[in-house]
Amino acid sequence: MLYYNFIYLLPALVVILNLKDKNKLYGFVEYFFLLLLVIFVGLSYQIGGDWIWYLRNFEIFGNINIFDFNYSYNYGFVFINWFFYKIGASYYFVKIFCALLLVISIKFFFTSFKIDRLLAYCIFFPLGIVVISMGFVRQGCALSFLMISLTFLLNKKYLQSYIFFLIGVSFHKSMLIFFPILYLISPKYKLIIPFILLIFIYFFYDHLSHLIKIYLGSEKGVHYDVSRGSYIRTIMTLMPAVLYITFFNTFDIQIIAKKILLYFSIFIIIISFLTILYPTFVDRILLYLVFFQAIIYSLFCELFSLKNKMYLKSIFVLIYLFILNFFLNFGFHANFWIPYKNILLYI
C-alpha cells in the first residue's frame, strides 16, 4: 500500500498546505504527479482483476485481420492493441498509451472548470486511477475520451466534442448511454450526428443487444458477478449530484458548465433508483462519472471563505485517503491490487 499512498500524498500535501496554482511548487508537483501516474499505471505488473485477459487479448488482437468485421469488437481498443503488436512493441506500450491518455484528459478537463486541480486529482485517484484505469482498462480509455469530449463541449467546439465522444464509444460501447446528454447540450449537428449513431448501432446491434441481456435482461448475472460494493460507489456519486442541485444557484460557473453538471446530476439521481434491481449495470455506468465527484466537491469548496475553504479541502483529502486505504485493505478484490508491482522494480 506504500506506493499507492505515496502517489496520493504528493498532491494531497500541496492541498493541505493551501498552495495556489500560480505557485511554482504547485505547478512542479502537478506535472511530477502526472508523470508518476503514467509510470505508476502504465508500467504496473499483474494489477487488476482482468490483467491476464488484457494480456491474452493483446496477442489475440495482434494476430487478427483488422479489416475482418466482428460486431463484438470495441474497435478503438482492438486497433491500439493490433498496432503496437504489429510494430513489435510489448503490451506495456498499450498500457502506457492508456495511462498517458487518461493523464492528458484529467489535466485538461479539470483545468477547463478552473478548480483546484490537485484537490480534484486526490478525489479522482481512488476510483478513477486505482480502480478504473488499473482494473477496467477499456472503460478507462472510454472515460478519457468522454472527458476530452466534455472539455471541447465546454469550449463550444461541438464537432470535436462529438468526434471524441464517438471515439470513446469505439473503446467501450456502453458509453453510448451518455449520448442524449451531449445531444441536448450541443446546438449544432442535430441531424448528421444521430444519423452516424444509427449506422453505428446498426453494425453493432447484436453486441449491444447481448450487453443489454447481460446487465438488464435474461442473462443478468450469468456472465458477470454482481458488483461488490456497488451500493457504496453509487452513494458516492449520488451525494455530489444532490449537493449540486441543492446549491445550483450558488455555483458561479459558466452557463454551459452549469448545464452539463445539471444534466449529469439528474441522470445520476434517476439511474441510482435502479441500483436495487440492476446493481452491476448502474455500477458500471456510474464508473464513467467518477470525475463528477472531483468537479462538484472542488467547486463546493470555492463557496466558502479562505479559512473554511482550507479546512474543507483538507477534510476531502483525508476522506478520500481513507477511501483509498479502505479499498486496499477491505475491498472484495483488493488482492488484485496488493502488493503493487511495477516492471521497473524487477529491473
Protein backbone atom coordinates (compact mmCIF):
# COMPACT_ATOMS: atom_id res chain seq x y z
CA MET A 1 0.00 0.00 0.00
CA LEU A 2 3.01 2.24 0.41
CA TYR A 3 3.23 3.08 -3.31
CA TYR A 4 -0.47 3.98 -3.58
CA ASN A 5 -0.27 6.26 -0.55
CA PHE A 6 2.96 7.89 -1.72
CA ILE A 7 1.43 8.83 -5.07
CA TYR A 8 -1.73 10.11 -3.38
CA LEU A 9 0.12 12.20 -0.80
CA LEU A 10 2.01 14.20 -3.44
CA PRO A 11 -0.99 16.36 -4.45
CA ALA A 12 -2.61 15.92 -1.03
CA LEU A 13 0.19 17.71 0.84
CA VAL A 14 0.06 20.66 -1.57
CA VAL A 15 -3.69 20.94 -0.99
CA ILE A 16 -3.28 20.81 2.80
CA LEU A 17 -0.53 23.46 2.61
CA ASN A 18 -3.07 25.57 0.68
CA LEU A 19 -0.68 26.45 -2.15
CA LYS A 20 -2.23 28.33 -5.09
CA ASP A 21 -1.99 27.13 -8.68
CA LYS A 22 0.16 30.16 -9.52
CA ASN A 23 2.79 28.96 -7.05
CA LYS A 24 5.81 27.36 -8.77
CA LEU A 25 5.79 24.44 -6.33
CA TYR A 26 2.14 23.78 -7.20
CA GLY A 27 2.98 23.52 -10.88
CA PHE A 28 6.05 21.36 -10.25
CA VAL A 29 4.15 18.90 -8.04
CA GLU A 30 1.29 18.71 -10.55
CA TYR A 31 3.49 17.76 -13.50
CA PHE A 32 5.66 15.45 -11.39
CA PHE A 33 2.50 13.74 -10.09
CA LEU A 34 1.07 13.32 -13.61
CA LEU A 35 4.38 11.91 -14.86
CA LEU A 36 4.46 9.45 -11.98
CA LEU A 37 0.88 8.43 -12.79
CA VAL A 38 1.92 7.41 -16.31
CA ILE A 39 4.70 5.25 -14.85
CA PHE A 40 2.60 4.04 -11.92
CA VAL A 41 -0.31 2.93 -14.12
CA GLY A 42 1.41 2.26 -17.43
CA LEU A 43 4.17 0.02 -16.10
CA SER A 44 2.18 -1.75 -13.38
CA TYR A 45 2.50 -5.52 -13.47
CA GLN A 46 -0.24 -8.09 -12.70
CA ILE A 47 -2.51 -5.40 -11.27
CA GLY A 48 -6.30 -5.56 -11.66
CA GLY A 49 -8.70 -8.47 -11.86
CA ASP A 50 -8.66 -8.60 -15.66
CA TRP A 51 -4.88 -8.35 -16.08
CA ILE A 52 -4.44 -11.80 -17.59
CA TRP A 53 -7.31 -11.28 -20.06
CA TYR A 54 -5.91 -7.98 -21.32
CA LEU A 55 -2.53 -9.62 -21.75
CA ARG A 56 -4.04 -12.53 -23.71
CA ASN A 57 -6.16 -10.20 -25.82
CA PHE A 58 -3.05 -8.26 -26.81
CA GLU A 59 -1.75 -11.31 -28.67
CA ILE A 60 -5.19 -12.28 -29.98
CA PHE A 61 -5.89 -8.80 -31.38
CA GLY A 62 -2.36 -8.58 -32.71
CA ASN A 63 -2.93 -11.61 -34.92
CA ILE A 64 -6.35 -10.76 -36.34
CA ASN A 65 -7.09 -9.29 -39.74
CA ILE A 66 -8.15 -5.81 -38.65
CA PHE A 67 -10.30 -5.48 -41.77
CA ASP A 68 -12.42 -8.56 -40.99
CA PHE A 69 -15.50 -7.11 -39.30
CA ASN A 70 -16.53 -8.51 -35.91
CA TYR A 71 -19.55 -6.92 -34.21
CA SER A 72 -18.27 -7.87 -30.74
CA TYR A 73 -15.06 -5.83 -31.06
CA ASN A 74 -14.53 -2.47 -29.41
CA TYR A 75 -12.51 -1.34 -32.39
CA GLY A 76 -10.75 1.58 -30.75
CA PHE A 77 -9.17 -0.67 -28.15
CA VAL A 78 -8.65 -3.51 -30.65
CA PHE A 79 -6.80 -1.17 -33.03
CA ILE A 80 -4.44 0.10 -30.31
CA ASN A 81 -3.51 -3.46 -29.36
CA TRP A 82 -3.19 -4.51 -33.01
CA PHE A 83 -1.00 -1.51 -33.87
CA PHE A 84 1.52 -1.96 -31.04
CA TYR A 85 1.67 -5.72 -31.61
CA LYS A 86 2.37 -5.26 -35.32
CA ILE A 87 5.23 -2.83 -34.74
CA GLY A 88 6.83 -5.31 -32.35
CA ALA A 89 6.10 -3.42 -29.13
CA SER A 90 5.10 -5.14 -25.88
CA TYR A 91 1.76 -4.93 -24.08
CA TYR A 92 3.24 -2.24 -21.83
CA PHE A 93 3.10 0.20 -24.74
CA VAL A 94 -0.68 -0.28 -24.75
CA LYS A 95 -0.76 0.38 -21.01
CA ILE A 96 1.44 3.47 -21.30
CA PHE A 97 -0.76 4.79 -24.13
CA CYS A 98 -3.89 4.33 -21.99
CA ALA A 99 -2.24 5.89 -18.93
CA LEU A 100 -0.98 8.87 -20.94
CA LEU A 101 -4.43 9.33 -22.45
CA LEU A 102 -6.03 9.43 -19.00
CA VAL A 103 -3.44 11.85 -17.61
CA ILE A 104 -3.91 14.26 -20.52
CA SER A 105 -7.69 14.07 -20.24
CA ILE A 106 -7.88 14.80 -16.50
CA LYS A 107 -5.34 17.62 -16.79
CA PHE A 108 -7.30 19.50 -19.46
CA PHE A 109 -10.74 18.57 -18.15
CA PHE A 110 -10.14 19.79 -14.61
CA THR A 111 -8.35 22.88 -15.94
CA SER A 112 -11.42 23.77 -18.01
CA PHE A 113 -13.51 24.03 -14.82
CA LYS A 114 -10.96 26.39 -13.21
CA ILE A 115 -10.83 24.41 -9.96
CA ASP A 116 -8.04 23.34 -7.63
CA ARG A 117 -6.67 20.59 -9.85
CA LEU A 118 -4.58 18.91 -7.16
CA LEU A 119 -7.67 18.56 -4.95
CA ALA A 120 -9.54 17.15 -7.95
CA TYR A 121 -6.71 14.63 -8.54
CA CYS A 122 -6.96 13.49 -4.90
CA ILE A 123 -10.72 12.92 -5.17
CA PHE A 124 -10.36 11.23 -8.55
CA PHE A 125 -7.46 8.98 -7.51
CA PRO A 126 -9.05 6.07 -5.56
CA LEU A 127 -11.73 5.18 -8.12
CA GLY A 128 -10.55 6.92 -11.28
CA ILE A 129 -6.89 5.89 -11.18
CA VAL A 130 -6.65 2.82 -8.96
CA VAL A 131 -9.92 1.03 -9.75
CA ILE A 132 -10.79 2.11 -13.30
CA SER A 133 -7.54 2.88 -15.12
CA MET A 134 -5.71 -0.05 -13.49
CA GLY A 135 -8.61 -2.51 -13.45
CA PHE A 136 -11.04 -1.56 -16.23
CA VAL A 137 -8.58 -0.52 -18.93
CA ARG A 138 -11.05 -0.32 -21.86
CA GLN A 139 -13.55 1.63 -19.81
CA GLY A 140 -10.72 3.84 -18.54
CA CYS A 141 -9.91 4.77 -22.15
CA ALA A 142 -13.57 5.45 -22.89
CA LEU A 143 -13.74 7.63 -19.76
CA SER A 144 -10.71 9.58 -21.00
CA PHE A 145 -12.38 10.31 -24.33
CA LEU A 146 -15.60 11.28 -22.53
CA MET A 147 -13.69 13.89 -20.51
CA ILE A 148 -11.93 15.15 -23.66
CA SER A 149 -15.31 15.36 -25.39
CA LEU A 150 -16.77 17.36 -22.49
CA THR A 151 -13.73 19.66 -22.50
CA PHE A 152 -14.43 20.55 -26.14
CA LEU A 153 -18.12 20.93 -25.30
CA LEU A 154 -17.24 23.42 -22.55
CA ASN A 155 -15.27 25.40 -25.13
CA LYS A 156 -18.21 25.25 -27.58
CA LYS A 157 -16.27 23.17 -30.09
CA TYR A 158 -19.19 20.88 -30.84
CA LEU A 159 -17.84 18.91 -33.78
CA GLN A 160 -14.67 17.95 -31.91
CA SER A 161 -16.82 17.04 -28.92
CA TYR A 162 -18.87 14.59 -30.99
CA ILE A 163 -15.78 13.14 -32.67
CA PHE A 164 -14.04 12.33 -29.40
CA PHE A 165 -17.27 11.01 -27.92
CA LEU A 166 -17.66 8.55 -30.83
CA ILE A 167 -14.01 7.53 -30.46
CA GLY A 168 -14.74 6.82 -26.79
CA VAL A 169 -17.71 4.66 -27.78
CA SER A 170 -15.36 2.64 -30.00
CA PHE A 171 -13.40 1.73 -26.84
CA HIS A 172 -16.48 0.72 -24.83
CA LYS A 173 -19.95 0.67 -26.36
CA SER A 174 -21.66 1.23 -23.02
CA MET A 175 -20.64 4.91 -23.24
CA LEU A 176 -23.50 5.35 -25.73
CA ILE A 177 -25.82 5.87 -22.78
CA PHE A 178 -24.46 9.40 -22.36
CA PHE A 179 -25.17 10.46 -25.95
CA PRO A 180 -28.56 12.09 -25.11
CA ILE A 181 -26.82 14.45 -22.66
CA LEU A 182 -24.27 15.53 -25.26
CA TYR A 183 -27.02 15.87 -27.87
CA LEU A 184 -29.25 18.01 -25.63
CA ILE A 185 -26.45 20.44 -24.81
CA SER A 186 -24.91 20.82 -28.27
CA PRO A 187 -26.88 23.23 -30.53
CA LYS A 188 -25.22 22.01 -33.74
CA TYR A 189 -25.18 18.90 -35.95
CA LYS A 190 -28.63 17.83 -34.76
CA LEU A 191 -29.26 15.75 -37.90
CA ILE A 192 -25.94 14.35 -39.04
CA ILE A 193 -24.73 13.02 -35.66
CA PRO A 194 -27.83 10.89 -34.91
CA PHE A 195 -27.56 9.50 -38.45
CA ILE A 196 -23.95 8.45 -37.82
CA LEU A 197 -25.01 6.98 -34.49
CA LEU A 198 -27.75 4.93 -36.12
CA ILE A 199 -25.21 3.48 -38.57
CA PHE A 200 -23.02 2.50 -35.61
CA ILE A 201 -25.96 0.87 -33.81
CA TYR A 202 -26.93 -0.99 -36.99
CA PHE A 203 -23.48 -2.61 -37.36
CA PHE A 204 -23.03 -3.39 -33.67
CA TYR A 205 -26.65 -4.13 -32.78
CA ASP A 206 -26.04 -7.80 -31.93
CA HIS A 207 -23.33 -6.96 -29.41
CA LEU A 208 -25.33 -4.10 -27.90
CA SER A 209 -28.29 -6.45 -27.56
CA HIS A 210 -26.03 -9.01 -25.88
CA LEU A 211 -24.77 -6.39 -23.39
CA ILE A 212 -28.36 -5.40 -22.55
CA LYS A 213 -29.22 -9.06 -21.86
CA ILE A 214 -26.17 -9.41 -19.62
CA TYR A 215 -26.86 -6.36 -17.48
CA LEU A 216 -30.63 -5.92 -17.72
CA GLY A 217 -32.20 -8.97 -19.32
CA SER A 218 -32.33 -12.74 -19.31
CA GLU A 219 -28.58 -13.22 -18.88
CA LYS A 220 -28.23 -10.80 -15.94
CA GLY A 221 -25.69 -12.23 -13.50
CA VAL A 222 -24.74 -15.12 -15.80
CA HIS A 223 -21.57 -13.76 -17.41
CA TYR A 224 -20.60 -11.27 -14.70
CA ASP A 225 -20.69 -11.45 -10.92
CA VAL A 226 -22.77 -8.84 -9.14
CA SER A 227 -20.58 -5.81 -8.48
CA ARG A 228 -19.45 -5.93 -4.88
CA GLY A 229 -19.52 -2.50 -3.28
CA SER A 230 -21.85 -1.14 -5.97
CA TYR A 231 -24.17 0.44 -3.40
CA ILE A 232 -21.33 2.33 -1.75
CA ARG A 233 -19.96 3.57 -5.08
CA THR A 234 -23.45 4.63 -6.18
CA ILE A 235 -23.93 6.64 -2.99
CA MET A 236 -20.50 8.24 -3.52
CA THR A 237 -21.67 9.53 -6.92
CA LEU A 238 -25.21 10.33 -5.81
CA MET A 239 -24.14 12.61 -2.96
CA PRO A 240 -22.41 15.27 -5.12
CA ALA A 241 -25.34 15.14 -7.58
CA VAL A 242 -27.77 16.03 -4.77
CA LEU A 243 -25.32 18.62 -3.46
CA TYR A 244 -25.06 20.29 -6.87
CA ILE A 245 -28.82 20.53 -7.35
CA THR A 246 -29.22 21.86 -3.79
CA PHE A 247 -26.69 24.64 -4.33
CA PHE A 248 -27.30 25.04 -8.06
CA ASN A 249 -27.88 28.80 -7.95
CA THR A 250 -24.83 29.37 -5.76
CA PHE A 251 -22.21 27.94 -8.10
CA ASP A 252 -20.53 30.72 -10.08
CA ILE A 253 -19.50 28.94 -13.29
CA GLN A 254 -20.17 29.45 -16.99
CA ILE A 255 -23.64 28.59 -18.28
CA ILE A 256 -22.64 25.60 -20.38
CA ALA A 257 -20.71 24.10 -17.45
CA LYS A 258 -23.76 24.57 -15.23
CA LYS A 259 -25.92 22.84 -17.81
CA ILE A 260 -23.54 19.89 -18.22
CA LEU A 261 -23.34 19.32 -14.45
CA LEU A 262 -27.12 19.71 -14.08
CA TYR A 263 -27.91 17.10 -16.73
CA PHE A 264 -25.41 14.68 -15.26
CA SER A 265 -26.86 15.27 -11.78
CA ILE A 266 -30.36 14.47 -13.00
CA PHE A 267 -29.05 11.38 -14.82
CA ILE A 268 -27.24 10.16 -11.69
CA ILE A 269 -30.28 10.61 -9.46
CA ILE A 270 -32.56 8.77 -11.90
CA ILE A 271 -30.22 5.85 -12.57
CA SER A 272 -29.43 5.46 -8.86
CA PHE A 273 -33.00 4.26 -8.28
CA LEU A 274 -32.19 1.23 -10.48
CA THR A 275 -29.41 0.07 -8.17
CA ILE A 276 -31.68 -2.29 -6.23
CA LEU A 277 -32.69 -4.18 -9.39
CA TYR A 278 -29.57 -3.77 -11.55
CA PRO A 279 -26.58 -3.06 -9.26
CA THR A 280 -23.91 -4.20 -11.75
CA PHE A 281 -25.39 -2.18 -14.61
CA VAL A 282 -25.65 1.00 -12.53
CA ASP A 283 -22.19 0.49 -11.07
CA ARG A 284 -20.55 0.08 -14.49
CA ILE A 285 -22.33 3.16 -15.87
CA LEU A 286 -21.53 5.38 -12.90
CA LEU A 287 -17.85 4.45 -13.12
CA TYR A 288 -17.77 6.78 -16.13
CA LEU A 289 -18.84 9.63 -13.87
CA VAL A 290 -16.12 9.28 -11.26
CA PHE A 291 -14.92 12.73 -12.38
CA PHE A 292 -18.22 14.16 -11.15
CA GLN A 293 -17.20 13.83 -7.51
CA ALA A 294 -13.94 15.68 -8.16
CA ILE A 295 -15.65 18.54 -10.01
CA ILE A 296 -18.55 19.11 -7.61
CA TYR A 297 -16.59 18.87 -4.37
CA SER A 298 -13.86 21.14 -5.74
CA LEU A 299 -16.45 23.71 -6.83
CA PHE A 300 -18.23 23.38 -3.48
CA CYS A 301 -15.05 24.32 -1.61
CA GLU A 302 -14.91 27.59 -3.56
CA LEU A 303 -18.19 28.72 -1.98
CA PHE A 304 -16.52 29.28 1.40
CA SER A 305 -14.20 31.84 2.93
CA LEU A 306 -10.45 31.32 2.62
CA LYS A 307 -10.04 29.76 6.06
CA ASN A 308 -13.08 27.48 5.81
CA LYS A 309 -12.12 26.55 2.27
CA MET A 310 -8.73 25.35 3.50
CA TYR A 311 -10.35 23.23 6.23
CA LEU A 312 -12.89 21.75 3.84
CA LYS A 313 -10.26 20.83 1.25
CA SER A 314 -8.22 19.11 3.94
CA ILE A 315 -11.30 17.15 5.03
CA PHE A 316 -11.91 15.93 1.47
CA VAL A 317 -8.24 14.92 1.16
CA LEU A 318 -8.49 12.85 4.35
CA ILE A 319 -11.84 11.31 3.34
CA TYR A 320 -10.51 10.08 0.01
CA LEU A 321 -7.27 8.91 1.62
CA PHE A 322 -9.47 6.82 3.91
CA ILE A 323 -11.47 5.52 0.91
CA LEU A 324 -8.24 4.55 -0.85
CA ASN A 325 -6.93 2.61 2.13
CA PHE A 326 -10.30 1.08 2.93
CA PHE A 327 -10.41 -0.38 -0.59
CA LEU A 328 -6.82 -1.63 -0.43
CA ASN A 329 -7.40 -3.26 2.98
CA PHE A 330 -11.00 -4.47 2.83
CA GLY A 331 -12.09 -4.37 -0.83
CA PHE A 332 -13.55 -7.64 -2.15
CA HIS A 333 -10.96 -7.72 -4.93
CA ALA A 334 -8.13 -5.83 -3.22
CA ASN A 335 -5.87 -8.85 -3.64
CA PHE A 336 -5.60 -7.96 -7.34
CA TRP A 337 -4.02 -4.63 -6.38
CA ILE A 338 -1.93 -5.66 -3.37
CA PRO A 339 1.02 -5.92 -3.37
CA TYR A 340 1.69 -3.30 -6.01
CA LYS A 341 4.05 -4.49 -8.74
CA ASN A 342 5.83 -2.49 -11.41
CA ILE A 343 8.23 -3.80 -14.06
CA LEU A 344 10.76 -1.12 -13.03
CA LEU A 345 11.01 -2.86 -9.65
CA TYR A 346 12.23 -6.02 -11.36
CA ILE A 347 14.98 -4.42 -13.46
